[in-house]
Amino acid sequence: MANKNGLPDGVDGIEMAIKIGNVPPLDFHDGTTVSEFKGTSTTLNTGPEGVGKHLYAYTRFFRNGKPRVYGPTSALQTNLLCMDNSVYTKQPNEKKQTGNVFAMKQYWMDKNHPNYAKYAAELDMAATKGEGIIINISWKEVEELHIQALTDRIMVAQHKKDWILNSLYNMHIYFADIPPEERLGEGGNIFVNHKINRWMERLGTNVSTFFFLDDMELSKQLYLAEFTTEDMEEVTNEEGMSYIKVGLEKEQIEKMFTKLFNGGIALADYCYHTGVKPDDYISRGINHLMKGFGFDDTKVTTFKAEDVIAYWETIKD
């Protein structure tokens, strides 16, 4: 049963502890700002200074009394703040939820952000040489679900057309120091590892990332990871290649294509006023997904890049 605020009976409100930055809090009170609210949802205005940083949050129920009684603290939730006041619609036909939802008012990361200087020289050198961008992901980053080594580079690349063009489908993730106890071995299939899948699932929450990875298998895993379990099945084909067996239901396939559609919208917004046309890159992403999962040999149909751009045009301003 729920009370008039939509909360479970016996619960008077929710306490939230938030921290904005790039270093996660260790617990509920570690450098956080604590506030409370009475309903099941709330709006946080992080302001433009939050863009490019992470929003860390813990929540817990409370019941008033003497003393006040608190429920268990949730697991730490982490979200990357890409744009101020951005809300991506869940369905292509859904009405826009706030004014100027996709309007490009600023870069996703300001030039004054310390990580701009951290990655600008690397991106400039790669673009000048026409080379791919290799990103080493440490095992600590995997275990702590830190994805900013990739997402920060994507945000910095937005500042120059050449950087964007050299970054799209040209970033390679390398898991640099997988511990022996993870038992992957030389040439092992990294996607049988539950920790890597959880990291890929977190990376996939940044819906535009798909268009920057250069490896088809990694790109596919952005969509598959949330459907994998700790005891997933590994299969070896006749050529001796191993892969993960994941059964996809109709609803899961629809969810993948909704994520791709929203990713296309995010890419269009990312490219807005940069001189880069996103159309061909969105088309390439659609083809990647269709071929990568073998949907092109089935009755599965999907949208086209012009559908994504047409919808984005109606809500960008």
C-alpha atoms as a PDB file:
ATOM      1  CA  MET A   1       0.000   0.000   0.000  1.00  0.00           C
ATOM      2  CA  ALA A   2       1.085   3.586  -0.626  1.00  0.00           C
ATOM      3  CA  ASN A   3       0.261   6.841   1.147  1.00  0.00           C
ATOM      4  CA  LYS A   4      -0.916  10.057  -0.514  1.00  0.00           C
ATOM      5  CA  ASN A   5       2.648  10.933  -1.568  1.00  0.00           C
ATOM      6  CA  GLY A   6       3.128   7.615  -3.343  1.00  0.00           C
ATOM      7  CA  LEU A   7       5.486   6.322  -0.639  1.00  0.00           C
ATOM      8  CA  PRO A   8       5.027   2.969   1.094  1.00  0.00           C
ATOM      9  CA  ASP A   9       2.773   3.030   4.135  1.00  0.00           C
ATOM     10  CA  GLY A  10       4.681   3.896   7.297  1.00  0.00           C
ATOM     11  CA  VAL A  11       7.243   5.989   5.386  1.00  0.00           C
ATOM     12  CA  ASP A  12       7.183   9.776   5.810  1.00  0.00           C
ATOM     13  CA  GLY A  13       9.833  10.739   3.275  1.00  0.00           C
ATOM     14  CA  ILE A  14      13.113  10.032   1.541  1.00  0.00           C
ATOM     15  CA  GLU A  15      16.490  11.423   2.511  1.00  0.00           C
ATOM     16  CA  MET A  16      19.004  11.919  -0.283  1.00  0.00           C
ATOM     17  CA  ALA A  17      22.747  12.543   0.017  1.00  0.00           C
ATOM     18  CA  ILE A  18      24.337  13.901  -3.163  1.00  0.00           C
ATOM     19  CA  LYS A  19      27.806  14.882  -4.243  1.00  0.00           C
ATOM     20  CA  ILE A  20      28.857  16.411  -7.583  1.00  0.00           C
ATOM     21  CA  GLY A  21      32.393  15.812  -8.774  1.00  0.00           C
ATOM     22  CA  ASN A  22      34.648  13.034 -10.018  1.00  0.00           C
ATOM     23  CA  VAL A  23      35.539  11.373  -6.706  1.00  0.00           C
ATOM     24  CA  PRO A  24      32.721   9.200  -5.310  1.00  0.00           C
ATOM     25  CA  PRO A  25      31.784   9.504  -1.638  1.00  0.00           C
ATOM     26  CA  LEU A  26      32.709   6.631   0.642  1.00  0.00           C
ATOM     27  CA  ASP A  27      29.415   6.718   2.507  1.00  0.00           C
ATOM     28  CA  PHE A  28      26.197   8.678   3.061  1.00  0.00           C
ATOM     29  CA  HIS A  29      27.924  11.581   4.850  1.00  0.00           C
ATOM     30  CA  ASP A  30      31.293  11.704   3.025  1.00  0.00           C
ATOM     31  CA  GLY A  31      31.313  15.203   1.531  1.00  0.00           C
ATOM     32  CA  THR A  32      27.654  14.989   0.533  1.00  0.00           C
ATOM     33  CA  THR A  33      24.783  17.441   0.753  1.00  0.00           C
ATOM     34  CA  VAL A  34      21.825  15.838   2.502  1.00  0.00           C
ATOM     35  CA  SER A  35      18.226  16.858   1.814  1.00  0.00           C
ATOM     36  CA  GLU A  36      14.821  15.272   2.162  1.00  0.00           C
ATOM     37  CA  PHE A  37      11.628  15.169   0.139  1.00  0.00           C
ATOM     38  CA  LYS A  38       8.159  13.774   0.605  1.00  0.00           C
ATOM     39  CA  GLY A  39       7.309  12.274  -2.791  1.00  0.00           C
ATOM     40  CA  THR A  40       8.624   9.503  -5.036  1.00  0.00           C
ATOM     41  CA  SER A  41      10.434  11.870  -7.420  1.00  0.00           C
ATOM     42  CA  THR A  42      12.285  15.157  -7.321  1.00  0.00           C
ATOM     43  CA  THR A  43      14.168  17.512  -9.661  1.00  0.00           C
ATOM     44  CA  LEU A  44      17.786  18.460  -9.040  1.00  0.00           C
ATOM     45  CA  ASN A  45      19.186  21.578 -10.720  1.00  0.00           C
ATOM     46  CA  THR A  46      22.943  21.057 -10.840  1.00  0.00           C
ATOM     47  CA  GLY A  47      23.588  24.192 -12.896  1.00  0.00           C
ATOM     48  CA  PRO A  48      26.107  24.551 -15.746  1.00  0.00           C
ATOM     49  CA  GLU A  49      29.024  24.100 -13.363  1.00  0.00           C
ATOM     50  CA  GLY A  50      27.997  20.460 -12.958  1.00  0.00           C
ATOM     51  CA  VAL A  51      28.399  19.590 -16.635  1.00  0.00           C
ATOM     52  CA  GLY A  52      31.170  17.083 -17.244  1.00  0.00           C
ATOM     53  CA  LYS A  53      31.108  15.902 -13.646  1.00  0.00           C
ATOM     54  CA  HIS A  54      29.347  13.021 -11.930  1.00  0.00           C
ATOM     55  CA  LEU A  55      26.298  13.120  -9.707  1.00  0.00           C
ATOM     56  CA  TYR A  56      26.692  10.639  -6.857  1.00  0.00           C
ATOM     57  CA  ALA A  57      23.649   9.863  -4.722  1.00  0.00           C
ATOM     58  CA  TYR A  58      22.590   7.715  -1.787  1.00  0.00           C
ATOM     59  CA  THR A  59      18.942   7.471  -0.683  1.00  0.00           C
ATOM     60  CA  ARG A  60      17.089   6.055   2.320  1.00  0.00           C
ATOM     61  CA  PHE A  61      13.557   6.110   3.685  1.00  0.00           C
ATOM     62  CA  PHE A  62      12.738   7.700   7.020  1.00  0.00           C
ATOM     63  CA  ARG A  63       9.840   7.595   9.487  1.00  0.00           C
ATOM     64  CA  ASN A  64       9.273  10.529  11.804  1.00  0.00           C
ATOM     65  CA  GLY A  65       9.271   9.994  15.538  1.00  0.00           C
ATOM     66  CA  LYS A  66      11.444  10.330  18.606  1.00  0.00           C
ATOM     67  CA  PRO A  67      13.929   9.247  17.512  1.00  0.00           C
ATOM     68  CA  ARG A  68      13.501   9.381  13.722  1.00  0.00           C
ATOM     69  CA  VAL A  69      13.868   5.910  12.189  1.00  0.00           C
ATOM     70  CA  TYR A  70      15.854   5.416   8.973  1.00  0.00           C
ATOM     71  CA  GLY A  71      15.649   2.593   6.484  1.00  0.00           C
ATOM     72  CA  PRO A  72      18.698   0.951   4.864  1.00  0.00           C
ATOM     73  CA  THR A  73      20.930   3.129   2.681  1.00  0.00           C
ATOM     74  CA  SER A  74      20.789   2.381  -1.029  1.00  0.00           C
ATOM     75  CA  ALA A  75      23.777   1.431  -3.132  1.00  0.00           C
ATOM     76  CA  LEU A  76      25.678   4.434  -4.540  1.00  0.00           C
ATOM     77  CA  GLN A  77      24.041   5.690  -7.744  1.00  0.00           C
ATOM     78  CA  THR A  78      26.213   7.485 -10.310  1.00  0.00           C
ATOM     79  CA  ASN A  79      25.173   9.581 -13.314  1.00  0.00           C
ATOM     80  CA  LEU A  80      27.300  11.575 -15.734  1.00  0.00           C
ATOM     81  CA  LEU A  81      26.046  15.169 -16.095  1.00  0.00           C
ATOM     82  CA  CYS A  82      26.282  15.816 -19.824  1.00  0.00           C
ATOM     83  CA  MET A  83      24.071  18.849 -20.324  1.00  0.00           C
ATOM     84  CA  ASP A  84      22.194  21.230 -18.094  1.00  0.00           C
ATOM     85  CA  ASN A  85      18.450  20.489 -18.066  1.00  0.00           C
ATOM     86  CA  SER A  86      18.690  17.595 -20.546  1.00  0.00           C
ATOM     87  CA  VAL A  87      15.980  14.960 -20.516  1.00  0.00           C
ATOM     88  CA  TYR A  88      15.982  12.333 -23.237  1.00  0.00           C
ATOM     89  CA  THR A  89      12.565  11.009 -24.200  1.00  0.00           C
ATOM     90  CA  LYS A  90      12.044   7.270 -23.865  1.00  0.00           C
ATOM     91  CA  GLN A  91       9.991   6.810 -27.046  1.00  0.00           C
ATOM     92  CA  PRO A  92      10.348   8.506 -30.449  1.00  0.00           C
ATOM     93  CA  ASN A  93       6.742   9.762 -30.358  1.00  0.00           C
ATOM     94  CA  GLU A  94       6.749  10.930 -26.749  1.00  0.00           C
ATOM     95  CA  LYS A  95       6.152  14.641 -26.224  1.00  0.00           C
ATOM     96  CA  LYS A  96       9.172  16.616 -25.115  1.00  0.00           C
ATOM     97  CA  GLN A  97       9.279  16.800 -21.361  1.00  0.00           C
ATOM     98  CA  THR A  98      10.908  20.188 -20.774  1.00  0.00           C
ATOM     99  CA  GLY A  99      11.473  23.302 -22.829  1.00  0.00           C
ATOM    100  CA  ASN A 100      14.662  23.391 -24.902  1.00  0.00           C
ATOM    101  CA  VAL A 101      15.462  19.809 -24.007  1.00  0.00           C
ATOM    102  CA  PHE A 102      18.041  19.261 -26.722  1.00  0.00           C
ATOM    103  CA  ALA A 103      19.076  22.844 -27.430  1.00  0.00           C
ATOM    104  CA  MET A 104      22.864  23.063 -27.525  1.00  0.00           C
ATOM    105  CA  LYS A 105      23.554  25.987 -25.185  1.00  0.00           C
ATOM    106  CA  GLN A 106      27.079  24.956 -24.234  1.00  0.00           C
ATOM    107  CA  TYR A 107      29.702  22.292 -24.687  1.00  0.00           C
ATOM    108  CA  TRP A 108      29.211  19.092 -22.746  1.00  0.00           C
ATOM    109  CA  MET A 109      32.480  19.922 -21.009  1.00  0.00           C
ATOM    110  CA  ASP A 110      33.673  23.494 -20.550  1.00  0.00           C
ATOM    111  CA  LYS A 111      37.192  24.433 -21.668  1.00  0.00           C
ATOM    112  CA  ASN A 112      37.948  25.435 -18.094  1.00  0.00           C
ATOM    113  CA  HIS A 113      37.301  21.931 -16.841  1.00  0.00           C
ATOM    114  CA  PRO A 114      40.624  20.336 -15.731  1.00  0.00           C
ATOM    115  CA  ASN A 115      40.009  17.271 -17.882  1.00  0.00           C
ATOM    116  CA  TYR A 116      39.960  19.422 -21.017  1.00  0.00           C
ATOM    117  CA  ALA A 117      43.670  20.135 -20.572  1.00  0.00           C
ATOM    118  CA  LYS A 118      44.204  16.504 -19.604  1.00  0.00           C
ATOM    119  CA  TYR A 119      43.015  15.123 -22.965  1.00  0.00           C
ATOM    120  CA  ALA A 120      43.222  17.996 -25.487  1.00  0.00           C
ATOM    121  CA  ALA A 121      46.845  17.355 -26.530  1.00  0.00           C
ATOM    122  CA  GLU A 122      46.205  13.629 -26.967  1.00  0.00           C
ATOM    123  CA  LEU A 123      43.127  14.210 -29.143  1.00  0.00           C
ATOM    124  CA  ASP A 124      44.920  16.872 -31.179  1.00  0.00           C
ATOM    125  CA  MET A 125      47.892  14.614 -31.871  1.00  0.00           C
ATOM    126  CA  ALA A 126      45.646  11.686 -32.824  1.00  0.00           C
ATOM    127  CA  ALA A 127      43.614  13.870 -35.189  1.00  0.00           C
ATOM    128  CA  THR A 128      46.746  15.336 -36.790  1.00  0.00           C
ATOM    129  CA  LYS A 129      48.164  11.868 -37.431  1.00  0.00           C
ATOM    130  CA  GLY A 130      44.803  10.344 -38.290  1.00  0.00           C
ATOM    131  CA  GLU A 131      45.314   7.680 -35.636  1.00  0.00           C
ATOM    132  CA  GLY A 132      42.835   5.881 -33.441  1.00  0.00           C
ATOM    133  CA  ILE A 133      42.572   6.663 -29.736  1.00  0.00           C
ATOM    134  CA  ILE A 134      43.585   3.832 -27.423  1.00  0.00           C
ATOM    135  CA  ILE A 135      42.112   4.028 -23.937  1.00  0.00           C
ATOM    136  CA  ASN A 136      43.506   1.774 -21.236  1.00  0.00           C
ATOM    137  CA  ILE A 137      40.956   0.871 -18.588  1.00  0.00           C
ATOM    138  CA  SER A 138      42.446  -0.238 -15.279  1.00  0.00           C
ATOM    139  CA  TRP A 139      40.902  -3.033 -13.254  1.00  0.00           C
ATOM    140  CA  LYS A 140      40.215  -0.543 -10.470  1.00  0.00           C
ATOM    141  CA  GLU A 141      38.113   1.485 -12.915  1.00  0.00           C
ATOM    142  CA  VAL A 142      36.253  -1.699 -13.867  1.00  0.00           C
ATOM    143  CA  GLU A 143      35.514  -2.639 -10.284  1.00  0.00           C
ATOM    144  CA  GLU A 144      34.478   0.895  -9.315  1.00  0.00           C
ATOM    145  CA  LEU A 145      32.426   1.367 -12.505  1.00  0.00           C
ATOM    146  CA  HIS A 146      34.369   4.469 -13.528  1.00  0.00           C
ATOM    147  CA  ILE A 147      33.739   5.247 -17.196  1.00  0.00           C
ATOM    148  CA  GLN A 148      35.070   8.803 -17.441  1.00  0.00           C
ATOM    149  CA  ALA A 149      38.331   7.789 -19.173  1.00  0.00           C
ATOM    150  CA  LEU A 150      36.149   7.330 -22.260  1.00  0.00           C
ATOM    151  CA  THR A 151      33.317   9.771 -21.649  1.00  0.00           C
ATOM    152  CA  ASP A 152      35.655  12.645 -20.761  1.00  0.00           C
ATOM    153  CA  ARG A 153      37.553  12.192 -24.028  1.00  0.00           C
ATOM    154  CA  ILE A 154      34.281  12.225 -25.948  1.00  0.00           C
ATOM    155  CA  MET A 155      33.249  15.487 -24.282  1.00  0.00           C
ATOM    156  CA  VAL A 156      36.621  17.119 -24.899  1.00  0.00           C
ATOM    157  CA  ALA A 157      36.594  16.035 -28.560  1.00  0.00           C
ATOM    158  CA  GLN A 158      33.432  18.093 -29.099  1.00  0.00           C
ATOM    159  CA  HIS A 159      35.462  21.301 -29.025  1.00  0.00           C
ATOM    160  CA  LYS A 160      37.026  20.823 -32.473  1.00  0.00           C
ATOM    161  CA  LYS A 161      35.579  19.445 -35.675  1.00  0.00           C
ATOM    162  CA  ASP A 162      38.768  17.514 -36.479  1.00  0.00           C
ATOM    163  CA  TRP A 163      38.733  15.932 -33.035  1.00  0.00           C
ATOM    164  CA  ILE A 164      35.135  14.790 -33.488  1.00  0.00           C
ATOM    165  CA  LEU A 165      35.756  13.340 -36.947  1.00  0.00           C
ATOM    166  CA  ASN A 166      38.788  11.449 -35.694  1.00  0.00           C
ATOM    167  CA  SER A 167      36.960  10.170 -32.609  1.00  0.00           C
ATOM    168  CA  LEU A 168      33.784   8.781 -34.158  1.00  0.00           C
ATOM    169  CA  TYR A 169      34.125   4.976 -34.471  1.00  0.00           C
ATOM    170  CA  ASN A 170      37.817   5.385 -33.664  1.00  0.00           C
ATOM    171  CA  MET A 171      38.183   4.898 -29.889  1.00  0.00           C
ATOM    172  CA  HIS A 172      39.536   1.553 -28.723  1.00  0.00           C
ATOM    173  CA  ILE A 173      39.075   0.257 -25.180  1.00  0.00           C
ATOM    174  CA  TYR A 174      41.797  -1.971 -23.771  1.00  0.00           C
ATOM    175  CA  PHE A 175      41.442  -3.625 -20.378  1.00  0.00           C
ATOM    176  CA  ALA A 176      45.023  -3.226 -19.272  1.00  0.00           C
ATOM    177  CA  ASP A 177      45.578  -5.220 -16.100  1.00  0.00           C
ATOM    178  CA  ILE A 178      43.048  -8.024 -15.685  1.00  0.00           C
ATOM    179  CA  PRO A 179      44.082  -9.936 -12.544  1.00  0.00           C
ATOM    180  CA  PRO A 180      45.005 -13.630 -12.942  1.00  0.00           C
ATOM    181  CA  GLU A 181      42.285 -14.602 -10.474  1.00  0.00           C
ATOM    182  CA  GLU A 182      39.687 -13.443 -13.000  1.00  0.00           C
ATOM    183  CA  ARG A 183      40.780 -16.483 -15.054  1.00  0.00           C
ATOM    184  CA  LEU A 184      40.421 -14.980 -18.496  1.00  0.00           C
ATOM    185  CA  GLY A 185      43.850 -16.036 -19.717  1.00  0.00           C
ATOM    186  CA  GLU A 186      45.553 -15.038 -22.948  1.00  0.00           C
ATOM    187  CA  GLY A 187      42.989 -14.440 -25.660  1.00  0.00           C
ATOM    188  CA  GLY A 188      40.075 -15.252 -23.360  1.00  0.00           C
ATOM    189  CA  ASN A 189      36.624 -13.854 -24.026  1.00  0.00           C
ATOM    190  CA  ILE A 190      36.436 -10.830 -21.734  1.00  0.00           C
ATOM    191  CA  PHE A 191      32.655 -10.805 -21.846  1.00  0.00           C
ATOM    192  CA  VAL A 192      32.374 -13.958 -19.767  1.00  0.00           C
ATOM    193  CA  ASN A 193      33.571 -11.774 -16.899  1.00  0.00           C
ATOM    194  CA  HIS A 194      30.673 -10.400 -14.884  1.00  0.00           C
ATOM    195  CA  LYS A 195      32.647  -7.354 -13.682  1.00  0.00           C
ATOM    196  CA  ILE A 196      33.498  -6.301 -17.234  1.00  0.00           C
ATOM    197  CA  ASN A 197      29.861  -6.704 -18.229  1.00  0.00           C
ATOM    198  CA  ARG A 198      28.732  -4.509 -15.360  1.00  0.00           C
ATOM    199  CA  TRP A 199      31.282  -1.881 -16.461  1.00  0.00           C
ATOM    200  CA  MET A 200      30.029  -2.126 -20.054  1.00  0.00           C
ATOM    201  CA  GLU A 201      26.461  -1.801 -18.787  1.00  0.00           C
ATOM    202  CA  ARG A 202      27.422   1.416 -16.982  1.00  0.00           C
ATOM    203  CA  LEU A 203      29.169   2.715 -20.120  1.00  0.00           C
ATOM    204  CA  GLY A 204      26.045   1.935 -22.121  1.00  0.00           C
ATOM    205  CA  THR A 205      24.016   4.341 -19.997  1.00  0.00           C
ATOM    206  CA  ASN A 206      25.835   7.082 -21.917  1.00  0.00           C
ATOM    207  CA  VAL A 207      23.798   6.465 -25.061  1.00  0.00           C
ATOM    208  CA  SER A 208      26.080   8.335 -27.492  1.00  0.00           C
ATOM    209  CA  THR A 209      29.129   6.174 -26.638  1.00  0.00           C
ATOM    210  CA  PHE A 210      28.101   3.523 -29.173  1.00  0.00           C
ATOM    211  CA  PHE A 211      29.102   5.853 -32.026  1.00  0.00           C
ATOM    212  CA  PHE A 212      32.675   6.272 -30.795  1.00  0.00           C
ATOM    213  CA  LEU A 213      33.886   2.691 -30.269  1.00  0.00           C
ATOM    214  CA  ASP A 214      35.917   1.105 -33.070  1.00  0.00           C
ATOM    215  CA  ASP A 215      35.272  -2.518 -32.097  1.00  0.00           C
ATOM    216  CA  MET A 216      32.005  -4.166 -33.144  1.00  0.00           C
ATOM    217  CA  GLU A 217      32.070  -6.682 -30.287  1.00  0.00           C
ATOM    218  CA  LEU A 218      32.570  -3.945 -27.697  1.00  0.00           C
ATOM    219  CA  SER A 219      29.800  -1.892 -29.296  1.00  0.00           C
ATOM    220  CA  LYS A 220      27.407  -4.844 -29.176  1.00  0.00           C
ATOM    221  CA  GLN A 221      28.216  -5.401 -25.519  1.00  0.00           C
ATOM    222  CA  LEU A 222      26.993  -1.896 -24.664  1.00  0.00           C
ATOM    223  CA  TYR A 223      23.548  -3.268 -25.535  1.00  0.00           C
ATOM    224  CA  LEU A 224      23.950  -6.850 -24.326  1.00  0.00           C
ATOM    225  CA  ALA A 225      25.578  -6.226 -20.950  1.00  0.00           C
ATOM    226  CA  GLU A 226      22.389  -5.378 -19.084  1.00  0.00           C
ATOM    227  CA  PHE A 227      20.908  -8.716 -20.153  1.00  0.00           C
ATOM    228  CA  THR A 228      23.834 -10.840 -18.975  1.00  0.00           C
ATOM    229  CA  THR A 229      24.003 -12.642 -15.666  1.00  0.00           C
ATOM    230  CA  GLU A 230      26.818 -13.886 -13.482  1.00  0.00           C
ATOM    231  CA  ASP A 231      26.283 -17.481 -14.646  1.00  0.00           C
ATOM    232  CA  MET A 232      25.933 -16.756 -18.369  1.00  0.00           C
ATOM    233  CA  GLU A 233      26.799 -19.482 -20.867  1.00  0.00           C
ATOM    234  CA  GLU A 234      29.947 -19.414 -23.024  1.00  0.00           C
ATOM    235  CA  VAL A 235      29.774 -21.230 -26.375  1.00  0.00           C
ATOM    236  CA  THR A 236      32.579 -22.154 -28.780  1.00  0.00           C
ATOM    237  CA  ASN A 237      31.802 -22.355 -32.502  1.00  0.00           C
ATOM    238  CA  GLU A 238      33.374 -24.585 -35.174  1.00  0.00           C
ATOM    239  CA  GLU A 239      36.147 -22.044 -35.811  1.00  0.00           C
ATOM    240  CA  GLY A 240      37.164 -22.231 -32.154  1.00  0.00           C
ATOM    241  CA  MET A 241      35.862 -18.751 -31.327  1.00  0.00           C
ATOM    242  CA  SER A 242      34.013 -18.328 -28.048  1.00  0.00           C
ATOM    243  CA  TYR A 243      31.002 -16.139 -27.510  1.00  0.00           C
ATOM    244  CA  ILE A 244      28.332 -15.569 -24.899  1.00  0.00           C
ATOM    245  CA  LYS A 245      24.923 -17.085 -25.411  1.00  0.00           C
ATOM    246  CA  VAL A 246      22.233 -14.566 -24.498  1.00  0.00           C
ATOM    247  CA  GLY A 247      18.606 -15.172 -25.372  1.00  0.00           C
ATOM    248  CA  LEU A 248      16.882 -11.957 -26.429  1.00  0.00           C
ATOM    249  CA  GLU A 249      13.145 -11.512 -26.050  1.00  0.00           C
ATOM    250  CA  LYS A 250      11.079  -9.148 -28.199  1.00  0.00           C
ATOM    251  CA  GLU A 251      10.946  -6.567 -25.389  1.00  0.00           C
ATOM    252  CA  GLN A 252      14.727  -6.625 -25.011  1.00  0.00           C
ATOM    253  CA  ILE A 253      15.256  -6.097 -28.741  1.00  0.00           C
ATOM    254  CA  GLU A 254      12.845  -3.169 -28.657  1.00  0.00           C
ATOM    255  CA  LYS A 255      14.765  -1.744 -25.707  1.00  0.00           C
ATOM    256  CA  MET A 256      18.037  -1.989 -27.663  1.00  0.00           C
ATOM    257  CA  PHE A 257      16.622  -0.091 -30.614  1.00  0.00           C
ATOM    258  CA  THR A 258      15.081   2.547 -28.347  1.00  0.00           C
ATOM    259  CA  LYS A 259      18.524   3.055 -26.821  1.00  0.00           C
ATOM    260  CA  LEU A 260      20.006   3.336 -30.324  1.00  0.00           C
ATOM    261  CA  PHE A 261      17.359   5.899 -31.311  1.00  0.00           C
ATOM    262  CA  ASN A 262      18.089   7.969 -28.204  1.00  0.00           C
ATOM    263  CA  GLY A 263      21.800   7.573 -28.900  1.00  0.00           C
ATOM    264  CA  GLY A 264      21.255   9.020 -32.363  1.00  0.00           C
ATOM    265  CA  ILE A 265      19.427  11.983 -30.852  1.00  0.00           C
ATOM    266  CA  ALA A 266      22.281  12.493 -28.391  1.00  0.00           C
ATOM    267  CA  LEU A 267      24.819  12.355 -31.237  1.00  0.00           C
ATOM    268  CA  ALA A 268      22.829  14.906 -33.242  1.00  0.00           C
ATOM    269  CA  ASP A 269      22.841  17.162 -30.210  1.00  0.00           C
ATOM    270  CA  TYR A 270      26.560  16.565 -29.670  1.00  0.00           C
ATOM    271  CA  CYS A 271      27.295  17.617 -33.269  1.00  0.00           C
ATOM    272  CA  TYR A 272      24.992  20.667 -33.181  1.00  0.00           C
ATOM    273  CA  HIS A 273      26.921  23.787 -34.296  1.00  0.00           C
ATOM    274  CA  THR A 274      30.181  21.832 -34.664  1.00  0.00           C
ATOM    275  CA  GLY A 275      30.172  21.519 -38.462  1.00  0.00           C
ATOM    276  CA  VAL A 276      29.860  17.729 -38.287  1.00  0.00           C
ATOM    277  CA  LYS A 277      26.796  16.117 -39.884  1.00  0.00           C
ATOM    278  CA  PRO A 278      25.695  13.140 -37.778  1.00  0.00           C
ATOM    279  CA  ASP A 279      23.484  11.487 -40.416  1.00  0.00           C
ATOM    280  CA  ASP A 280      26.016   9.057 -41.896  1.00  0.00           C
ATOM    281  CA  TYR A 281      27.355   8.112 -38.469  1.00  0.00           C
ATOM    282  CA  ILE A 282      23.840   7.309 -37.246  1.00  0.00           C
ATOM    283  CA  SER A 283      23.240   5.196 -40.378  1.00  0.00           C
ATOM    284  CA  ARG A 284      26.477   3.353 -39.716  1.00  0.00           C
ATOM    285  CA  GLY A 285      25.397   2.690 -36.141  1.00  0.00           C
ATOM    286  CA  ILE A 286      22.062   1.273 -37.296  1.00  0.00           C
ATOM    287  CA  ASN A 287      23.866  -1.024 -39.749  1.00  0.00           C
ATOM    288  CA  HIS A 288      26.293  -2.081 -37.002  1.00  0.00           C
ATOM    289  CA  LEU A 289      23.459  -3.135 -34.748  1.00  0.00           C
ATOM    290  CA  MET A 290      21.486  -4.888 -37.496  1.00  0.00           C
ATOM    291  CA  LYS A 291      24.473  -6.864 -38.779  1.00  0.00           C
ATOM    292  CA  GLY A 292      26.162  -7.387 -35.435  1.00  0.00           C
ATOM    293  CA  PHE A 293      23.151  -9.232 -34.041  1.00  0.00           C
ATOM    294  CA  GLY A 294      22.148 -10.849 -37.326  1.00  0.00           C
ATOM    295  CA  PHE A 295      18.917  -8.866 -37.503  1.00  0.00           C
ATOM    296  CA  ASP A 296      19.520  -8.106 -41.191  1.00  0.00           C
ATOM    297  CA  ASP A 297      18.772 -11.781 -41.915  1.00  0.00           C
ATOM    298  CA  THR A 298      15.484 -11.689 -40.015  1.00  0.00           C
ATOM    299  CA  LYS A 299      12.178  -9.869 -40.202  1.00  0.00           C
ATOM    300  CA  VAL A 300      13.391  -7.243 -37.733  1.00  0.00           C
ATOM    301  CA  THR A 301      12.897  -3.750 -39.164  1.00  0.00           C
ATOM    302  CA  THR A 302      14.089  -0.469 -37.744  1.00  0.00           C
ATOM    303  CA  PHE A 303      14.137   3.269 -38.229  1.00  0.00           C
ATOM    304  CA  LYS A 304      16.505   5.196 -40.502  1.00  0.00           C
ATOM    305  CA  ALA A 305      18.906   8.025 -39.740  1.00  0.00           C
ATOM    306  CA  GLU A 306      16.540  10.535 -41.314  1.00  0.00           C
ATOM    307  CA  ASP A 307      13.850   9.470 -38.813  1.00  0.00           C
ATOM    308  CA  VAL A 308      16.202  10.265 -35.932  1.00  0.00           C
ATOM    309  CA  ILE A 309      17.214  13.622 -37.410  1.00  0.00           C
ATOM    310  CA  ALA A 310      13.612  14.535 -38.249  1.00  0.00           C
ATOM    311  CA  TYR A 311      12.525  13.898 -34.668  1.00  0.00           C
ATOM    312  CA  TRP A 312      15.537  15.748 -33.255  1.00  0.00           C
ATOM    313  CA  GLU A 313      14.717  18.760 -35.473  1.00  0.00           C
ATOM    314  CA  THR A 314      11.291  19.043 -33.817  1.00  0.00           C
ATOM    315  CA  ILE A 315      12.706  19.251 -30.290  1.00  0.00           C
ATOM    316  CA  LYS A 316      16.170  20.798 -30.548  1.00  0.00           C
ATOM    317  CA  ASP A 317      15.004  24.395 -30.118  1.00  0.00           C
END
